[in-house]
Every structure is written in structure tokens, then in C-alpha cells.
Amino acid sequence: MEEQEMQLKVKRVTDKFTESMYVLANEPSVALYRLQEHVRRSLPELAQHKADMQSWEDQTQGAIYSVEYACSAIRSMTYSGAYFRSIEGLLKQAISLKERMGSTPGHR
């Protein structure tokens, strides 16, 4: 009877050991399979998000360029105030000279 008991215990231990080895041997492949499933499902959406972000980045860069160009034009206009004042003074001189020339009788 003791021998049968011992054989039964040995069989249980070897069965548990075999089952544990089977689980350990197959667990990484199951995990990798699940990971592959997840990547396959989520990759198209992630690729679309990446494409959207690149498009938004391009649009933003274009807008930044436009704003910088407009700021540069405004700065140029601000610095050109002295030139406009000079032109205004020259125009006033020309008008004054024309009025003087028109008022003298011999300069027609």
C-alpha cells in the first residue's frame, strides 16, 4: 500500500511539474501573440494620428511663416516713417513753389 501511495504522489508531482513546464514554455509565445494582436489593432489608428500631427505641424509652420512675414512688413513700414515725412516735406515745398510761380505774372 505504501508503494502505491508513493507512486501516486510521484505521479502527481511529475504531472504538476510537467504542467508547470508546459505553461512556462508556452506563456511567452501567448504574451507575444497578444502583443502582436494589440499592435495590429492599434497601429492603423496610431499611423493616422501621426499623419494628422504632421499635417497640423505643416499648417502651423505655414501660419508662423505668414505671421513673421507680416511682422517684418509692419516693422519695415514703421521704420519708413522718416521717409514719408521727408516726402511730405518735399511735396509741401513743391506745392509752395508752384503757388509762388503761379502768382508771378511772367512765369506762365
PDB file of N, CA and C in Angstrom:
ATOM      1  N   MET A   1       0.810  -1.180   0.000  1.00  0.00           N
ATOM      2  CA  MET A   1       0.000   0.000   0.000  1.00  0.00           C
ATOM      3  C   MET A   1       0.857   1.248   0.000  1.00  0.00           C
ATOM      4  N   GLU A   2       1.904   1.243   0.745  1.00  0.00           N
ATOM      5  CA  GLU A   2       2.774   2.405   0.787  1.00  0.00           C
ATOM      6  C   GLU A   2       3.417   2.659  -0.561  1.00  0.00           C
ATOM      7  N   GLU A   3       3.725   1.612  -1.272  1.00  0.00           N
ATOM      8  CA  GLU A   3       4.344   1.783  -2.585  1.00  0.00           C
ATOM      9  C   GLU A   3       3.361   2.408  -3.568  1.00  0.00           C
ATOM     10  N   GLN A   4       2.105   2.005  -3.510  1.00  0.00           N
ATOM     11  CA  GLN A   4       1.097   2.588  -4.385  1.00  0.00           C
ATOM     12  C   GLN A   4       0.881   4.064  -4.044  1.00  0.00           C
ATOM     13  N   GLU A   5       0.872   4.367  -2.754  1.00  0.00           N
ATOM     14  CA  GLU A   5       0.744   5.753  -2.310  1.00  0.00           C
ATOM     15  C   GLU A   5       1.904   6.599  -2.811  1.00  0.00           C
ATOM     16  N   MET A   6       3.097   6.037  -2.686  1.00  0.00           N
ATOM     17  CA  MET A   6       4.297   6.734  -3.132  1.00  0.00           C
ATOM     18  C   MET A   6       4.251   6.961  -4.642  1.00  0.00           C
ATOM     19  N   GLN A   7       3.813   5.958  -5.395  1.00  0.00           N
ATOM     20  CA  GLN A   7       3.718   6.108  -6.851  1.00  0.00           C
ATOM     21  C   GLN A   7       2.676   7.167  -7.217  1.00  0.00           C
ATOM     22  N   LEU A   8       1.579   7.197  -6.483  1.00  0.00           N
ATOM     23  CA  LEU A   8       0.538   8.195  -6.735  1.00  0.00           C
ATOM     24  C   LEU A   8       1.069   9.601  -6.468  1.00  0.00           C
ATOM     25  N   LYS A   9       1.789   9.760  -5.374  1.00  0.00           N
ATOM     26  CA  LYS A   9       2.381  11.069  -5.045  1.00  0.00           C
ATOM     27  C   LYS A   9       3.418  11.473  -6.091  1.00  0.00           C
ATOM     28  N   VAL A  10       4.250  10.512  -6.508  1.00  0.00           N
ATOM     29  CA  VAL A  10       5.248  10.802  -7.538  1.00  0.00           C
ATOM     30  C   VAL A  10       4.555  11.191  -8.834  1.00  0.00           C
ATOM     31  N   LYS A  11       3.483  10.486  -9.194  1.00  0.00           N
ATOM     32  CA  LYS A  11       2.743  10.801 -10.419  1.00  0.00           C
ATOM     33  C   LYS A  11       2.160  12.212 -10.337  1.00  0.00           C
ATOM     34  N   ARG A  12       1.585  12.570  -9.177  1.00  0.00           N
ATOM     35  CA  ARG A  12       1.024  13.921  -9.013  1.00  0.00           C
ATOM     36  C   ARG A  12       2.111  14.990  -9.140  1.00  0.00           C
ATOM     37  N   VAL A  13       3.238  14.755  -8.523  1.00  0.00           N
ATOM     38  CA  VAL A  13       4.342  15.715  -8.579  1.00  0.00           C
ATOM     39  C   VAL A  13       4.853  15.850 -10.009  1.00  0.00           C
ATOM     40  N   THR A  14       5.033  14.722 -10.686  1.00  0.00           N
ATOM     41  CA  THR A  14       5.525  14.793 -12.072  1.00  0.00           C
ATOM     42  C   THR A  14       4.492  15.442 -12.986  1.00  0.00           C
ATOM     43  N   ASP A  15       3.212  15.180 -12.751  1.00  0.00           N
ATOM     44  CA  ASP A  15       2.155  15.826 -13.560  1.00  0.00           C
ATOM     45  C   ASP A  15       2.161  17.339 -13.340  1.00  0.00           C
ATOM     46  N   LYS A  16       2.265  17.751 -12.091  1.00  0.00           N
ATOM     47  CA  LYS A  16       2.317  19.197 -11.788  1.00  0.00           C
ATOM     48  C   LYS A  16       3.570  19.827 -12.394  1.00  0.00           C
ATOM     49  N   PHE A  17       4.678  19.121 -12.285  1.00  0.00           N
ATOM     50  CA  PHE A  17       5.929  19.625 -12.850  1.00  0.00           C
ATOM     51  C   PHE A  17       5.808  19.748 -14.372  1.00  0.00           C
ATOM     52  N   THR A  18       5.230  18.730 -15.019  1.00  0.00           N
ATOM     53  CA  THR A  18       5.036  18.750 -16.477  1.00  0.00           C
ATOM     54  C   THR A  18       4.107  19.898 -16.872  1.00  0.00           C
ATOM     55  N   GLU A  19       3.021  20.067 -16.102  1.00  0.00           N
ATOM     56  CA  GLU A  19       2.084  21.163 -16.393  1.00  0.00           C
ATOM     57  C   GLU A  19       2.772  22.520 -16.233  1.00  0.00           C
ATOM     58  N   SER A  20       3.557  22.673 -15.186  1.00  0.00           N
ATOM     59  CA  SER A  20       4.287  23.930 -14.972  1.00  0.00           C
ATOM     60  C   SER A  20       5.271  24.192 -16.103  1.00  0.00           C
ATOM     61  N   MET A  21       5.980  23.168 -16.526  1.00  0.00           N
ATOM     62  CA  MET A  21       6.928  23.336 -17.641  1.00  0.00           C
ATOM     63  C   MET A  21       6.201  23.712 -18.927  1.00  0.00           C
ATOM     64  N   TYR A  22       5.034  23.106 -19.164  1.00  0.00           N
ATOM     65  CA  TYR A  22       4.247  23.416 -20.351  1.00  0.00           C
ATOM     66  C   TYR A  22       3.803  24.881 -20.321  1.00  0.00           C
ATOM     67  N   VAL A  23       3.307  25.337 -19.174  1.00  0.00           N
ATOM     68  CA  VAL A  23       2.865  26.741 -19.040  1.00  0.00           C
ATOM     69  C   VAL A  23       4.042  27.679 -19.245  1.00  0.00           C
ATOM     70  N   LEU A  24       5.169  27.387 -18.608  1.00  0.00           N
ATOM     71  CA  LEU A  24       6.345  28.240 -18.751  1.00  0.00           C
ATOM     72  C   LEU A  24       6.850  28.270 -20.193  1.00  0.00           C
ATOM     73  N   ALA A  25       6.783  27.130 -20.858  1.00  0.00           N
ATOM     74  CA  ALA A  25       7.273  27.057 -22.236  1.00  0.00           C
ATOM     75  C   ALA A  25       6.365  27.817 -23.195  1.00  0.00           C
ATOM     76  N   ASN A  26       5.061  27.836 -22.923  1.00  0.00           N
ATOM     77  CA  ASN A  26       4.117  28.453 -23.857  1.00  0.00           C
ATOM     78  C   ASN A  26       3.698  29.866 -23.474  1.00  0.00           C
ATOM     79  N   GLU A  27       3.925  30.278 -22.267  1.00  0.00           N
ATOM     80  CA  GLU A  27       3.486  31.603 -21.818  1.00  0.00           C
ATOM     81  C   GLU A  27       4.102  32.746 -22.614  1.00  0.00           C
ATOM     82  N   PRO A  28       5.408  32.760 -22.860  1.00  0.00           N
ATOM     83  CA  PRO A  28       5.964  33.874 -23.643  1.00  0.00           C
ATOM     84  C   PRO A  28       5.357  33.974 -25.042  1.00  0.00           C
ATOM     85  N   SER A  29       5.078  32.850 -25.671  1.00  0.00           N
ATOM     86  CA  SER A  29       4.506  32.907 -27.014  1.00  0.00           C
ATOM     87  C   SER A  29       3.082  33.451 -26.969  1.00  0.00           C
ATOM     88  N   VAL A  30       2.329  33.097 -25.906  1.00  0.00           N
ATOM     89  CA  VAL A  30       0.979  33.645 -25.758  1.00  0.00           C
ATOM     90  C   VAL A  30       1.057  35.150 -25.530  1.00  0.00           C
ATOM     91  N   ALA A  31       1.985  35.577 -24.705  1.00  0.00           N
ATOM     92  CA  ALA A  31       2.137  37.012 -24.446  1.00  0.00           C
ATOM     93  C   ALA A  31       2.532  37.754 -25.722  1.00  0.00           C
ATOM     94  N   LEU A  32       3.454  37.162 -26.465  1.00  0.00           N
ATOM     95  CA  LEU A  32       3.854  37.808 -27.723  1.00  0.00           C
ATOM     96  C   LEU A  32       2.712  37.833 -28.722  1.00  0.00           C
ATOM     97  N   TYR A  33       1.891  36.793 -28.739  1.00  0.00           N
ATOM     98  CA  TYR A  33       0.731  36.767 -29.625  1.00  0.00           C
ATOM     99  C   TYR A  33      -0.247  37.876 -29.248  1.00  0.00           C
ATOM    100  N   ARG A  34      -0.502  38.038 -27.966  1.00  0.00           N
ATOM    101  CA  ARG A  34      -1.409  39.109 -27.503  1.00  0.00           C
ATOM    102  C   ARG A  34      -0.835  40.486 -27.851  1.00  0.00           C
ATOM    103  N   LEU A  35       0.461  40.634 -27.683  1.00  0.00           N
ATOM    104  CA  LEU A  35       1.114  41.892 -28.036  1.00  0.00           C
ATOM    105  C   LEU A  35       0.989  42.168 -29.531  1.00  0.00           C
ATOM    106  N   GLN A  36       1.179  41.138 -30.329  1.00  0.00           N
ATOM    107  CA  GLN A  36       1.051  41.285 -31.776  1.00  0.00           C
ATOM    108  C   GLN A  36      -0.377  41.660 -32.148  1.00  0.00           C
ATOM    109  N   GLU A  37      -1.367  41.053 -31.517  1.00  0.00           N
ATOM    110  CA  GLU A  37      -2.760  41.411 -31.764  1.00  0.00           C
ATOM    111  C   GLU A  37      -3.017  42.882 -31.441  1.00  0.00           C
ATOM    112  N   HIS A  38      -2.517  43.306 -30.310  1.00  0.00           N
ATOM    113  CA  HIS A  38      -2.710  44.698 -29.892  1.00  0.00           C
ATOM    114  C   HIS A  38      -2.080  45.662 -30.893  1.00  0.00           C
ATOM    115  N   VAL A  39      -0.855  45.373 -31.305  1.00  0.00           N
ATOM    116  CA  VAL A  39      -0.164  46.249 -32.256  1.00  0.00           C
ATOM    117  C   VAL A  39      -0.915  46.272 -33.582  1.00  0.00           C
ATOM    118  N   ARG A  40      -1.356  45.129 -34.035  1.00  0.00           N
ATOM    119  CA  ARG A  40      -2.072  45.047 -35.305  1.00  0.00           C
ATOM    120  C   ARG A  40      -3.374  45.846 -35.252  1.00  0.00           C
ATOM    121  N   ARG A  41      -4.041  45.834 -34.106  1.00  0.00           N
ATOM    122  CA  ARG A  41      -5.289  46.581 -33.962  1.00  0.00           C
ATOM    123  C   ARG A  41      -5.048  48.080 -33.850  1.00  0.00           C
ATOM    124  N   SER A  42      -4.045  48.479 -33.093  1.00  0.00           N
ATOM    125  CA  SER A  42      -3.871  49.904 -32.793  1.00  0.00           C
ATOM    126  C   SER A  42      -2.956  50.628 -33.777  1.00  0.00           C
ATOM    127  N   LEU A  43      -2.183  49.920 -34.567  1.00  0.00           N
ATOM    128  CA  LEU A  43      -1.222  50.570 -35.464  1.00  0.00           C
ATOM    129  C   LEU A  43      -1.874  51.479 -36.508  1.00  0.00           C
ATOM    130  N   PRO A  44      -2.951  51.065 -37.178  1.00  0.00           N
ATOM    131  CA  PRO A  44      -3.549  51.981 -38.166  1.00  0.00           C
ATOM    132  C   PRO A  44      -4.013  53.300 -37.548  1.00  0.00           C
ATOM    133  N   GLU A  45      -4.600  53.223 -36.359  1.00  0.00           N
ATOM    134  CA  GLU A  45      -5.051  54.446 -35.694  1.00  0.00           C
ATOM    135  C   GLU A  45      -3.864  55.325 -35.313  1.00  0.00           C
ATOM    136  N   LEU A  46      -2.804  54.716 -34.802  1.00  0.00           N
ATOM    137  CA  LEU A  46      -1.606  55.483 -34.450  1.00  0.00           C
ATOM    138  C   LEU A  46      -0.968  56.112 -35.687  1.00  0.00           C
ATOM    139  N   ALA A  47      -0.955  55.377 -36.793  1.00  0.00           N
ATOM    140  CA  ALA A  47      -0.400  55.923 -38.031  1.00  0.00           C
ATOM    141  C   ALA A  47      -1.228  57.113 -38.510  1.00  0.00           C
ATOM    142  N   GLN A  48      -2.551  57.028 -38.364  1.00  0.00           N
ATOM    143  CA  GLN A  48      -3.421  58.147 -38.757  1.00  0.00           C
ATOM    144  C   GLN A  48      -3.170  59.358 -37.863  1.00  0.00           C
ATOM    145  N   HIS A  49      -3.010  59.122 -36.565  1.00  0.00           N
ATOM    146  CA  HIS A  49      -2.706  60.230 -35.651  1.00  0.00           C
ATOM    147  C   HIS A  49      -1.381  60.883 -36.028  1.00  0.00           C
ATOM    148  N   LYS A  50      -0.403  60.086 -36.376  1.00  0.00           N
ATOM    149  CA  LYS A  50       0.894  60.638 -36.768  1.00  0.00           C
ATOM    150  C   LYS A  50       0.761  61.484 -38.025  1.00  0.00           C
ATOM    151  N   ALA A  51       0.005  60.990 -39.000  1.00  0.00           N
ATOM    152  CA  ALA A  51      -0.201  61.755 -40.242  1.00  0.00           C
ATOM    153  C   ALA A  51      -0.930  63.062 -39.951  1.00  0.00           C
ATOM    154  N   ASP A  52      -1.941  63.003 -39.076  1.00  0.00           N
ATOM    155  CA  ASP A  52      -2.676  64.220 -38.697  1.00  0.00           C
ATOM    156  C   ASP A  52      -1.748  65.223 -38.017  1.00  0.00           C
ATOM    157  N   MET A  53      -0.919  64.741 -37.108  1.00  0.00           N
ATOM    158  CA  MET A  53       0.001  65.634 -36.402  1.00  0.00           C
ATOM    159  C   MET A  53       0.993  66.275 -37.373  1.00  0.00           C
ATOM    160  N   GLN A  54       1.476  65.514 -38.343  1.00  0.00           N
ATOM    161  CA  GLN A  54       2.409  66.080 -39.325  1.00  0.00           C
ATOM    162  C   GLN A  54       1.708  67.135 -40.170  1.00  0.00           C
ATOM    163  N   SER A  55       0.461  66.881 -40.533  1.00  0.00           N
ATOM    164  CA  SER A  55      -0.305  67.861 -41.309  1.00  0.00           C
ATOM    165  C   SER A  55      -0.508  69.141 -40.498  1.00  0.00           C
ATOM    166  N   TRP A  56      -0.870  68.979 -39.222  1.00  0.00           N
ATOM    167  CA  TRP A  56      -1.055  70.155 -38.364  1.00  0.00           C
ATOM    168  C   TRP A  56       0.252  70.908 -38.178  1.00  0.00           C
ATOM    169  N   GLU A  57       1.347  70.175 -38.083  1.00  0.00           N
ATOM    170  CA  GLU A  57       2.645  70.825 -37.937  1.00  0.00           C
ATOM    171  C   GLU A  57       2.969  71.646 -39.193  1.00  0.00           C
ATOM    172  N   ASP A  58       2.689  71.077 -40.366  1.00  0.00           N
ATOM    173  CA  ASP A  58       2.932  71.807 -41.611  1.00  0.00           C
ATOM    174  C   ASP A  58       2.073  73.067 -41.682  1.00  0.00           C
ATOM    175  N   GLN A  59       0.799  72.946 -41.314  1.00  0.00           N
ATOM    176  CA  GLN A  59      -0.088  74.110 -41.320  1.00  0.00           C
ATOM    177  C   GLN A  59       0.392  75.166 -40.332  1.00  0.00           C
ATOM    178  N   THR A  60       0.836  74.716 -39.169  1.00  0.00           N
ATOM    179  CA  THR A  60       1.324  75.649 -38.155  1.00  0.00           C
ATOM    180  C   THR A  60       2.584  76.357 -38.637  1.00  0.00           C
ATOM    181  N   GLN A  61       3.488  75.614 -39.265  1.00  0.00           N
ATOM    182  CA  GLN A  61       4.704  76.235 -39.783  1.00  0.00           C
ATOM    183  C   GLN A  61       4.366  77.274 -40.841  1.00  0.00           C
ATOM    184  N   GLY A  62       3.388  76.970 -41.701  1.00  0.00           N
ATOM    185  CA  GLY A  62       2.957  77.947 -42.708  1.00  0.00           C
ATOM    186  C   GLY A  62       2.377  79.199 -42.068  1.00  0.00           C
ATOM    187  N   ALA A  63       1.565  79.012 -41.027  1.00  0.00           N
ATOM    188  CA  ALA A  63       0.978  80.156 -40.330  1.00  0.00           C
ATOM    189  C   ALA A  63       2.059  80.984 -39.643  1.00  0.00           C
ATOM    190  N   ILE A  64       3.028  80.320 -39.037  1.00  0.00           N
ATOM    191  CA  ILE A  64       4.125  81.031 -38.376  1.00  0.00           C
ATOM    192  C   ILE A  64       4.910  81.853 -39.396  1.00  0.00           C
ATOM    193  N   TYR A  65       5.177  81.258 -40.563  1.00  0.00           N
ATOM    194  CA  TYR A  65       5.892  81.985 -41.612  1.00  0.00           C
ATOM    195  C   TYR A  65       5.094  83.218 -42.043  1.00  0.00           C
ATOM    196  N   SER A  66       3.776  83.072 -42.209  1.00  0.00           N
ATOM    197  CA  SER A  66       2.938  84.202 -42.617  1.00  0.00           C
ATOM    198  C   SER A  66       2.961  85.313 -41.577  1.00  0.00           C
ATOM    199  N   VAL A  67       2.872  84.940 -40.311  1.00  0.00           N
ATOM    200  CA  VAL A  67       2.877  85.944 -39.237  1.00  0.00           C
ATOM    201  C   VAL A  67       4.233  86.651 -39.184  1.00  0.00           C
ATOM    202  N   GLU A  68       5.315  85.890 -39.306  1.00  0.00           N
ATOM    203  CA  GLU A  68       6.640  86.514 -39.284  1.00  0.00           C
ATOM    204  C   GLU A  68       6.812  87.463 -40.475  1.00  0.00           C
ATOM    205  N   TYR A  69       6.310  87.065 -41.644  1.00  0.00           N
ATOM    206  CA  TYR A  69       6.401  87.914 -42.822  1.00  0.00           C
ATOM    207  C   TYR A  69       5.593  89.196 -42.621  1.00  0.00           C
ATOM    208  N   ALA A  70       4.393  89.076 -42.041  1.00  0.00           N
ATOM    209  CA  ALA A  70       3.566  90.256 -41.778  1.00  0.00           C
ATOM    210  C   ALA A  70       4.244  91.168 -40.744  1.00  0.00           C
ATOM    211  N   CYS A  71       4.833  90.589 -39.711  1.00  0.00           N
ATOM    212  CA  CYS A  71       5.535  91.400 -38.700  1.00  0.00           C
ATOM    213  C   CYS A  71       6.719  92.124 -39.328  1.00  0.00           C
ATOM    214  N   SER A  72       7.419  91.450 -40.211  1.00  0.00           N
ATOM    215  CA  SER A  72       8.550  92.081 -40.894  1.00  0.00           C
ATOM    216  C   SER A  72       8.073  93.248 -41.749  1.00  0.00           C
ATOM    217  N   ALA A  73       6.946  93.059 -42.441  1.00  0.00           N
ATOM    218  CA  ALA A  73       6.401  94.144 -43.262  1.00  0.00           C
ATOM    219  C   ALA A  73       5.981  95.321 -42.390  1.00  0.00           C
ATOM    220  N   ILE A  74       5.381  95.054 -41.258  1.00  0.00           N
ATOM    221  CA  ILE A  74       4.955  96.133 -40.356  1.00  0.00           C
ATOM    222  C   ILE A  74       6.161  96.868 -39.795  1.00  0.00           C
ATOM    223  N   ARG A  75       7.219  96.117 -39.431  1.00  0.00           N
ATOM    224  CA  ARG A  75       8.440  96.766 -38.941  1.00  0.00           C
ATOM    225  C   ARG A  75       9.025  97.664 -40.020  1.00  0.00           C
ATOM    226  N   SER A  76       9.026  97.176 -41.248  1.00  0.00           N
ATOM    227  CA  SER A  76       9.553  97.980 -42.349  1.00  0.00           C
ATOM    228  C   SER A  76       8.733  99.256 -42.528  1.00  0.00           C
ATOM    229  N   MET A  77       7.420  99.131 -42.391  1.00  0.00           N
ATOM    230  CA  MET A  77       6.565 100.317 -42.521  1.00  0.00           C
ATOM    231  C   MET A  77       6.822 101.291 -41.371  1.00  0.00           C
ATOM    232  N   THR A  78       7.064 100.764 -40.184  1.00  0.00           N
ATOM    233  CA  THR A  78       7.338 101.625 -39.032  1.00  0.00           C
ATOM    234  C   THR A  78       8.627 102.405 -39.243  1.00  0.00           C
ATOM    235  N   TYR A  79       9.634 101.743 -39.759  1.00  0.00           N
ATOM    236  CA  TYR A  79      10.916 102.406 -39.988  1.00  0.00           C
ATOM    237  C   TYR A  79      10.855 103.369 -41.175  1.00  0.00           C
ATOM    238  N   SER A  80       9.856 103.225 -42.029  1.00  0.00           N
ATOM    239  CA  SER A  80       9.783 104.096 -43.203  1.00  0.00           C
ATOM    240  C   SER A  80       9.072 105.417 -42.901  1.00  0.00           C
ATOM    241  N   GLY A  81       8.672 105.647 -41.657  1.00  0.00           N
ATOM    242  CA  GLY A  81       8.006 106.898 -41.281  1.00  0.00           C
ATOM    243  C   GLY A  81       8.860 108.119 -41.602  1.00  0.00           C
ATOM    244  N   ALA A  82      10.148 108.031 -41.385  1.00  0.00           N
ATOM    245  CA  ALA A  82      11.041 109.163 -41.677  1.00  0.00           C
ATOM    246  C   ALA A  82      11.024 109.473 -43.171  1.00  0.00           C
ATOM    247  N   TYR A  83      10.993 108.446 -44.000  1.00  0.00           N
ATOM    248  CA  TYR A  83      10.964 108.674 -45.449  1.00  0.00           C
ATOM    249  C   TYR A  83       9.662 109.347 -45.873  1.00  0.00           C
ATOM    250  N   PHE A  84       8.548 108.911 -45.274  1.00  0.00           N
ATOM    251  CA  PHE A  84       7.265 109.537 -45.611  1.00  0.00           C
ATOM    252  C   PHE A  84       7.227 111.001 -45.159  1.00  0.00           C
ATOM    253  N   ARG A  85       7.809 111.297 -44.002  1.00  0.00           N
ATOM    254  CA  ARG A  85       7.857 112.697 -43.554  1.00  0.00           C
ATOM    255  C   ARG A  85       8.706 113.538 -44.517  1.00  0.00           C
ATOM    256  N   SER A  86       9.807 112.942 -45.000  1.00  0.00           N
ATOM    257  CA  SER A  86      10.647 113.650 -45.959  1.00  0.00           C
ATOM    258  C   SER A  86       9.892 113.913 -47.263  1.00  0.00           C
ATOM    259  N   ILE A  87       9.163 112.893 -47.713  1.00  0.00           N
ATOM    260  CA  ILE A  87       8.363 113.052 -48.939  1.00  0.00           C
ATOM    261  C   ILE A  87       7.293 114.112 -48.728  1.00  0.00           C
ATOM    262  N   GLU A  88       6.666 114.102 -47.553  1.00  0.00           N
ATOM    263  CA  GLU A  88       5.635 115.102 -47.248  1.00  0.00           C
ATOM    264  C   GLU A  88       6.226 116.516 -47.289  1.00  0.00           C
ATOM    265  N   GLY A  89       7.413 116.660 -46.708  1.00  0.00           N
ATOM    266  CA  GLY A  89       8.069 117.976 -46.727  1.00  0.00           C
ATOM    267  C   GLY A  89       8.395 118.408 -48.141  1.00  0.00           C
ATOM    268  N   LEU A  90       8.904 117.501 -48.951  1.00  0.00           N
ATOM    269  CA  LEU A  90       9.219 117.835 -50.344  1.00  0.00           C
ATOM    270  C   LEU A  90       7.968 118.199 -51.130  1.00  0.00           C
ATOM    271  N   LEU A  91       6.871 117.474 -50.888  1.00  0.00           N
ATOM    272  CA  LEU A  91       5.610 117.798 -51.563  1.00  0.00           C
ATOM    273  C   LEU A  91       5.112 119.185 -51.148  1.00  0.00           C
ATOM    274  N   LYS A  92       5.232 119.528 -49.870  1.00  0.00           N
ATOM    275  CA  LYS A  92       4.815 120.856 -49.409  1.00  0.00           C
ATOM    276  C   LYS A  92       5.662 121.937 -50.071  1.00  0.00           C
ATOM    277  N   GLN A  93       6.974 121.656 -50.181  1.00  0.00           N
ATOM    278  CA  GLN A  93       7.859 122.629 -50.858  1.00  0.00           C
ATOM    279  C   GLN A  93       7.461 122.782 -52.319  1.00  0.00           C
ATOM    280  N   ALA A  94       7.140 121.660 -52.973  1.00  0.00           N
ATOM    281  CA  ALA A  94       6.759 121.715 -54.389  1.00  0.00           C
ATOM    282  C   ALA A  94       5.463 122.483 -54.567  1.00  0.00           C
ATOM    283  N   ILE A  95       4.510 122.259 -53.681  1.00  0.00           N
ATOM    284  CA  ILE A  95       3.228 122.983 -53.767  1.00  0.00           C
ATOM    285  C   ILE A  95       3.457 124.470 -53.529  1.00  0.00           C
ATOM    286  N   SER A  96       4.256 124.795 -52.539  1.00  0.00           N
ATOM    287  CA  SER A  96       4.564 126.193 -52.243  1.00  0.00           C
ATOM    288  C   SER A  96       5.253 126.852 -53.431  1.00  0.00           C
ATOM    289  N   LEU A  97       6.210 126.155 -54.035  1.00  0.00           N
ATOM    290  CA  LEU A  97       6.940 126.691 -55.181  1.00  0.00           C
ATOM    291  C   LEU A  97       5.994 126.900 -56.353  1.00  0.00           C
ATOM    292  N   LYS A  98       5.079 125.950 -56.569  1.00  0.00           N
ATOM    293  CA  LYS A  98       4.128 126.069 -57.677  1.00  0.00           C
ATOM    294  C   LYS A  98       3.200 127.257 -57.448  1.00  0.00           C
ATOM    295  N   GLU A  99       2.768 127.438 -56.206  1.00  0.00           N
ATOM    296  CA  GLU A  99       1.883 128.555 -55.907  1.00  0.00           C
ATOM    297  C   GLU A  99       2.603 129.889 -56.137  1.00  0.00           C
ATOM    298  N   ARG A 100       3.871 129.947 -55.749  1.00  0.00           N
ATOM    299  CA  ARG A 100       4.640 131.176 -55.967  1.00  0.00           C
ATOM    300  C   ARG A 100       4.830 131.419 -57.456  1.00  0.00           C
ATOM    301  N   MET A 101       5.100 130.357 -58.178  1.00  0.00           N
ATOM    302  CA  MET A 101       5.317 130.522 -59.621  1.00  0.00           C
ATOM    303  C   MET A 101       4.008 130.910 -60.306  1.00  0.00           C
ATOM    304  N   GLY A 102       2.901 130.413 -59.794  1.00  0.00           N
ATOM    305  CA  GLY A 102       1.611 130.757 -60.408  1.00  0.00           C
ATOM    306  C   GLY A 102       1.184 132.176 -60.086  1.00  0.00           C
ATOM    307  N   SER A 103       1.660 132.741 -58.992  1.00  0.00           N
ATOM    308  CA  SER A 103       1.261 134.088 -58.610  1.00  0.00           C
ATOM    309  C   SER A 103       2.070 135.171 -59.316  1.00  0.00           C
ATOM    310  N   THR A 104       3.259 134.837 -59.832  1.00  0.00           N
ATOM    311  CA  THR A 104       4.052 135.841 -60.560  1.00  0.00           C
ATOM    312  C   THR A 104       3.581 135.868 -62.004  1.00  0.00           C
ATOM    313  N   PRO A 105       3.399 137.083 -62.574  1.00  0.00           N
ATOM    314  CA  PRO A 105       2.813 137.196 -63.903  1.00  0.00           C
ATOM    315  C   PRO A 105       3.742 136.715 -65.030  1.00  0.00           C
ATOM    316  N   GLY A 106       4.996 136.778 -64.892  1.00  0.00           N
ATOM    317  CA  GLY A 106       5.903 136.468 -66.013  1.00  0.00           C
ATOM    318  C   GLY A 106       6.242 134.988 -66.157  1.00  0.00           C
ATOM    319  N   HIS A 107       5.778 134.167 -65.325  1.00  0.00           N
ATOM    320  CA  HIS A 107       6.181 132.751 -65.383  1.00  0.00           C
ATOM    321  C   HIS A 107       5.096 131.844 -65.900  1.00  0.00           C
ATOM    322  N   ARG A 108       4.425 132.212 -66.891  1.00  0.00           N
ATOM    323  CA  ARG A 108       3.356 131.353 -67.410  1.00  0.00           C
ATOM    324  C   ARG A 108       3.830 130.525 -68.518  1.00  0.00           C
TER     325      ARG A 108
END
